[in-house]
Amino acid sequence: MTLHHHSYDYLLAQSRLMAAVCAVGGRRLTHVFLAPSMQATFFARYPQRGPAAVVANAMFVPERRLRQGVPGRLTVGLISNLAPEKGLTDFIATARLARAEGLPVEMVLAGPAPDPADRAAIDAAVADGVLRAVGPLYGPQKDAFFESLDLFLFPTRYRHEAQPTVIYEAFAAGVPVIAFDRGAIVDQVGDCLLTVPREADFAAAAVAEMRRLLTLDAEGRAALHARAQARHRDATEDGIRTIRALFQETAP
């Protein structure tokens, strides 16, 4: 039996159902986690340990064309279902702060915004000239969006965030990421680029990092983009090896 964990819901608070599943499954139940930190958090809460493995979401994202940045300018994006818990408010705040500091940065929002209040906030930011909104993107348009970025922001406040696939979509195009520390994001982002403590001022932290990125020359920018893509590739290869090993162990 194998249980693939994709939510932090029962890691943030004790779940009687999950405790019962672990008790019934015991050593016969193999747990597959998204990251080492997720595995450690789970077994700290549910100590009735079974076999475990880690398979990141990277393997579900194809590699994209590597980003070639232009020194001295940044294109910074967010794509999501646009709402405050998925980073909308913090992204707009970052865009306004970057504009106030006169940084040569283009901020781009993509994705649907079903709530009228969220659409109004986006429209106001567009009218003020602090960002550009391109609406929902799919397929080749979504690929082109990631390939156009120098930096991806994901200031998620979603309580049950685990390991967002969208971060690996950015890495697949060689785009470094700044995100809030939720779920397994700290393992996912690593040194490419920054995980912001959830109680911190995201806009201030992101703008400070943008100022540093703007000082990089072409070689430094190219190395950063290559490192981001390598992070996706390494996680993908690790996941494939782990899944092959799991299937070999369960084969009759």
Protein backbone atom coordinates (compact mmCIF):
# COMPACT_ATOMS: atom_id res chain seq x y z
CA MET A 1 0.00 0.00 0.00
CA THR A 2 1.23 3.48 -0.89
CA LEU A 3 -0.01 6.86 0.33
CA HIS A 4 1.13 9.93 -1.63
CA HIS A 5 0.95 13.09 0.50
CA HIS A 6 0.05 16.34 -1.29
CA SER A 7 -1.48 18.46 1.49
CA TYR A 8 -0.31 20.09 4.70
CA ASP A 9 -3.84 20.03 6.15
CA TYR A 10 -3.19 17.08 8.47
CA LEU A 11 0.40 18.18 9.16
CA LEU A 12 -0.64 21.54 10.63
CA ALA A 13 -3.18 19.93 12.98
CA GLN A 14 -3.72 16.40 14.22
CA SER A 15 -6.14 14.37 12.09
CA ARG A 16 -7.90 11.41 13.69
CA LEU A 17 -8.47 9.94 10.24
CA MET A 18 -4.78 10.12 9.31
CA ALA A 19 -3.79 8.67 12.68
CA ALA A 20 -6.17 5.77 12.05
CA VAL A 21 -4.78 5.23 8.53
CA CYS A 22 -1.24 5.06 9.93
CA ALA A 23 -2.30 2.68 12.69
CA VAL A 24 -4.08 0.32 10.30
CA GLY A 25 -1.39 0.50 7.60
CA GLY A 26 1.58 0.21 9.93
CA ARG A 27 4.73 -1.08 8.23
CA ARG A 28 2.70 -2.22 5.21
CA LEU A 29 1.94 1.40 4.27
CA THR A 30 4.60 3.24 2.23
CA HIS A 31 4.45 7.03 2.55
CA VAL A 32 5.53 9.20 -0.39
CA PHE A 33 6.26 12.83 0.49
CA LEU A 34 7.03 15.93 -1.56
CA ALA A 35 10.15 16.94 0.41
CA PRO A 36 12.35 15.80 3.33
CA SER A 37 10.90 18.52 5.58
CA MET A 38 7.38 17.25 4.85
CA GLN A 39 8.43 13.73 5.82
CA ALA A 40 10.00 14.93 9.09
CA THR A 41 6.94 17.01 10.01
CA PHE A 42 4.58 14.14 9.24
CA PHE A 43 6.39 11.55 11.35
CA ALA A 44 6.80 14.01 14.22
CA ARG A 45 3.00 14.24 14.34
CA TYR A 46 2.25 10.60 13.42
CA PRO A 47 5.08 8.53 14.92
CA GLN A 48 3.65 5.15 13.84
CA ARG A 49 6.26 5.07 11.07
CA GLY A 50 6.11 3.11 7.85
CA PRO A 51 8.52 3.03 4.89
CA ALA A 52 8.96 6.44 3.26
CA ALA A 53 10.22 8.06 0.05
CA VAL A 54 10.40 11.57 -1.40
CA VAL A 55 9.11 12.44 -4.89
CA ALA A 56 8.97 16.14 -5.77
CA ASN A 57 6.40 17.68 -8.11
CA ALA A 58 9.22 18.65 -10.50
CA MET A 59 8.86 15.46 -12.52
CA PHE A 60 5.39 16.52 -13.66
CA VAL A 61 6.75 19.70 -15.29
CA PRO A 62 8.60 19.56 -18.65
CA GLU A 63 11.79 21.56 -19.05
CA ARG A 64 11.44 24.83 -20.97
CA ARG A 65 13.73 27.03 -23.01
CA LEU A 66 16.36 28.59 -20.75
CA ARG A 67 15.82 32.27 -19.97
CA GLN A 68 18.43 34.70 -21.29
CA GLY A 69 18.11 37.89 -19.24
CA VAL A 70 19.03 41.47 -20.07
CA PRO A 71 21.40 42.99 -17.46
CA GLY A 72 20.13 46.16 -15.82
CA ARG A 73 16.43 45.30 -16.12
CA LEU A 74 14.09 42.73 -14.58
CA THR A 75 10.78 41.26 -15.65
CA VAL A 76 9.06 39.90 -12.54
CA GLY A 77 5.91 37.80 -12.62
CA LEU A 78 3.23 35.93 -10.76
CA ILE A 79 0.79 33.46 -12.31
CA SER A 80 -1.90 31.91 -10.15
CA ASN A 81 -5.58 31.96 -9.37
CA LEU A 82 -5.25 35.58 -8.30
CA ALA A 83 -6.43 36.12 -4.75
CA PRO A 84 -4.82 37.44 -1.53
CA GLU A 85 -4.10 33.95 -0.18
CA LYS A 86 -2.23 33.12 -3.42
CA GLY A 87 -0.05 36.21 -3.29
CA LEU A 88 -2.03 38.92 -5.10
CA THR A 89 -1.94 41.56 -2.36
CA ASP A 90 1.77 41.05 -1.64
CA PHE A 91 2.62 41.12 -5.35
CA ILE A 92 0.83 44.44 -5.82
CA ALA A 93 2.58 45.82 -2.72
CA THR A 94 5.93 44.70 -4.15
CA ALA A 95 5.13 46.35 -7.48
CA ARG A 96 4.22 49.62 -5.77
CA LEU A 97 7.40 49.59 -3.68
CA ALA A 98 9.58 48.82 -6.70
CA ARG A 99 7.93 51.70 -8.54
CA ALA A 100 8.41 54.06 -5.58
CA GLU A 101 12.13 53.21 -5.48
CA GLY A 102 12.47 53.80 -9.21
CA LEU A 103 13.74 50.31 -10.02
CA PRO A 104 13.89 49.33 -13.72
CA VAL A 105 11.46 46.48 -13.18
CA GLU A 106 8.40 45.36 -15.14
CA MET A 107 5.85 43.57 -12.95
CA VAL A 108 3.47 41.18 -14.75
CA LEU A 109 0.40 39.42 -13.36
CA ALA A 110 -1.19 36.41 -15.07
CA GLY A 111 -4.16 34.29 -14.19
CA PRO A 112 -7.88 34.61 -13.47
CA ALA A 113 -9.24 36.82 -10.67
CA PRO A 114 -12.77 35.58 -9.97
CA ASP A 115 -13.48 37.95 -7.06
CA PRO A 116 -14.65 41.45 -8.06
CA ALA A 117 -12.66 43.07 -5.24
CA ASP A 118 -9.47 41.38 -6.46
CA ARG A 119 -10.15 42.46 -10.03
CA ALA A 120 -10.66 46.02 -8.79
CA ALA A 121 -7.30 45.93 -6.97
CA ILE A 122 -5.58 44.69 -10.13
CA ASP A 123 -7.30 47.33 -12.27
CA ALA A 124 -6.21 50.06 -9.85
CA ALA A 125 -2.59 48.90 -9.96
CA VAL A 126 -2.67 48.77 -13.75
CA ALA A 127 -4.19 52.27 -13.90
CA ASP A 128 -1.43 53.53 -11.61
CA GLY A 129 1.18 52.06 -13.97
CA VAL A 130 2.81 49.78 -11.40
CA LEU A 131 2.12 46.49 -13.19
CA ARG A 132 0.75 44.82 -16.30
CA ALA A 133 -2.04 42.21 -16.15
CA VAL A 134 -2.35 39.68 -19.00
CA GLY A 135 -5.21 37.49 -17.76
CA PRO A 136 -5.39 33.68 -17.84
CA LEU A 137 -2.70 31.90 -19.87
CA TYR A 138 -2.59 28.30 -21.06
CA GLY A 139 -0.38 26.06 -23.18
CA PRO A 140 2.18 27.89 -25.33
CA GLN A 141 1.13 31.28 -23.91
CA LYS A 142 1.89 30.07 -20.41
CA ASP A 143 5.26 28.70 -21.55
CA ALA A 144 6.08 32.05 -23.16
CA PHE A 145 5.14 33.85 -19.95
CA PHE A 146 7.67 31.88 -17.89
CA GLU A 147 10.32 32.22 -20.60
CA SER A 148 9.90 36.02 -20.48
CA LEU A 149 10.64 36.33 -16.74
CA ASP A 150 13.82 37.11 -14.84
CA LEU A 151 12.23 36.47 -11.44
CA PHE A 152 9.08 34.72 -10.20
CA LEU A 153 7.34 35.80 -7.00
CA PHE A 154 5.04 33.48 -5.07
CA PRO A 155 4.02 35.16 -1.80
CA THR A 156 1.45 32.50 -0.98
CA ARG A 157 -0.49 32.73 2.26
CA TYR A 158 -2.56 29.63 1.55
CA ARG A 159 -2.67 27.65 4.79
CA HIS A 160 -2.46 24.21 3.19
CA GLU A 161 0.26 25.04 0.64
CA ALA A 162 2.53 22.02 0.15
CA GLN A 163 4.94 22.14 -2.82
CA PRO A 164 3.56 24.44 -5.53
CA THR A 165 4.00 23.06 -9.05
CA VAL A 166 4.14 26.65 -10.31
CA ILE A 167 7.55 27.10 -8.65
CA TYR A 168 8.92 24.15 -10.62
CA GLU A 169 7.34 25.65 -13.75
CA ALA A 170 9.46 28.75 -13.13
CA PHE A 171 12.60 26.69 -12.47
CA ALA A 172 11.99 24.68 -15.65
CA ALA A 173 12.50 27.92 -17.61
CA GLY A 174 15.53 28.91 -15.53
CA VAL A 175 13.64 31.53 -13.51
CA PRO A 176 14.68 31.97 -9.85
CA VAL A 177 11.96 32.33 -7.21
CA ILE A 178 11.18 34.40 -4.13
CA ALA A 179 8.38 32.86 -2.06
CA PHE A 180 6.92 32.83 1.41
CA ASP A 181 8.03 29.96 3.66
CA ARG A 182 4.99 27.70 3.72
CA GLY A 183 4.66 23.93 3.44
CA ALA A 184 7.72 22.41 1.77
CA ILE A 185 8.66 25.58 -0.16
CA VAL A 186 11.90 26.12 1.78
CA ASP A 187 13.19 22.74 0.54
CA GLN A 188 11.87 23.41 -2.94
CA VAL A 189 13.42 26.86 -3.46
CA GLY A 190 16.70 26.19 -1.66
CA ASP A 191 19.41 28.59 -2.83
CA CYS A 192 17.46 29.65 -5.93
CA LEU A 193 16.56 32.21 -4.71
CA LEU A 194 14.95 33.27 -1.45
CA THR A 195 12.36 32.01 1.03
CA VAL A 196 10.85 34.81 3.11
CA PRO A 197 9.66 34.06 6.69
CA ARG A 198 5.88 34.21 6.71
CA GLU A 199 5.79 36.94 9.39
CA ALA A 200 8.19 39.19 7.41
CA ASP A 201 7.45 42.06 5.01
CA PHE A 202 7.48 40.25 1.67
CA ALA A 203 7.58 43.39 -0.47
CA ALA A 204 10.60 44.79 1.37
CA ALA A 205 12.48 41.48 1.14
CA ALA A 206 11.67 41.02 -2.55
CA VAL A 207 12.63 44.56 -3.53
CA ALA A 208 15.93 44.27 -1.65
CA GLU A 209 16.70 41.10 -3.62
CA MET A 210 15.68 42.79 -6.88
CA ARG A 211 18.20 45.57 -6.21
CA ARG A 212 20.91 42.91 -5.82
CA LEU A 213 19.90 41.10 -9.01
CA LEU A 214 20.05 44.34 -10.94
CA THR A 215 23.76 44.60 -10.13
CA LEU A 216 24.58 41.24 -11.75
CA ASP A 217 26.38 41.25 -15.08
CA ALA A 218 25.41 39.01 -18.00
CA GLU A 219 27.56 36.15 -16.73
CA GLY A 220 26.07 36.34 -13.24
CA ARG A 221 22.53 36.39 -14.61
CA ALA A 222 23.21 33.43 -16.90
CA ALA A 223 24.65 31.42 -14.00
CA LEU A 224 21.56 32.13 -11.88
CA HIS A 225 19.17 31.07 -14.64
CA ALA A 226 21.19 27.88 -15.25
CA ARG A 227 21.14 27.09 -11.52
CA ALA A 228 17.35 27.43 -11.40
CA GLN A 229 16.90 25.08 -14.34
CA ALA A 230 19.37 22.61 -12.83
CA ARG A 231 17.31 22.61 -9.62
CA HIS A 232 14.26 21.48 -11.59
CA ARG A 233 16.27 18.90 -13.52
CA ASP A 234 17.87 17.40 -10.40
CA ALA A 235 14.53 17.12 -8.58
CA THR A 236 13.00 15.48 -11.66
CA GLU A 237 15.76 12.90 -11.96
CA ASP A 238 15.62 12.13 -8.23
CA GLY A 239 11.86 11.61 -8.47
CA ILE A 240 12.15 9.26 -11.45
CA ARG A 241 14.77 7.16 -9.67
CA THR A 242 12.61 6.97 -6.54
CA ILE A 243 9.48 5.91 -8.41
CA ARG A 244 11.38 3.22 -10.30
CA ALA A 245 12.72 1.89 -7.01
CA LEU A 246 9.22 1.90 -5.46
CA PHE A 247 7.75 -0.05 -8.38
CA GLN A 248 10.59 -2.57 -8.26
CA GLU A 249 9.94 -3.13 -4.56
CA THR A 250 6.20 -3.69 -5.10
CA ALA A 251 6.49 -5.83 -8.26
CA PRO A 252 5.28 -9.42 -7.81
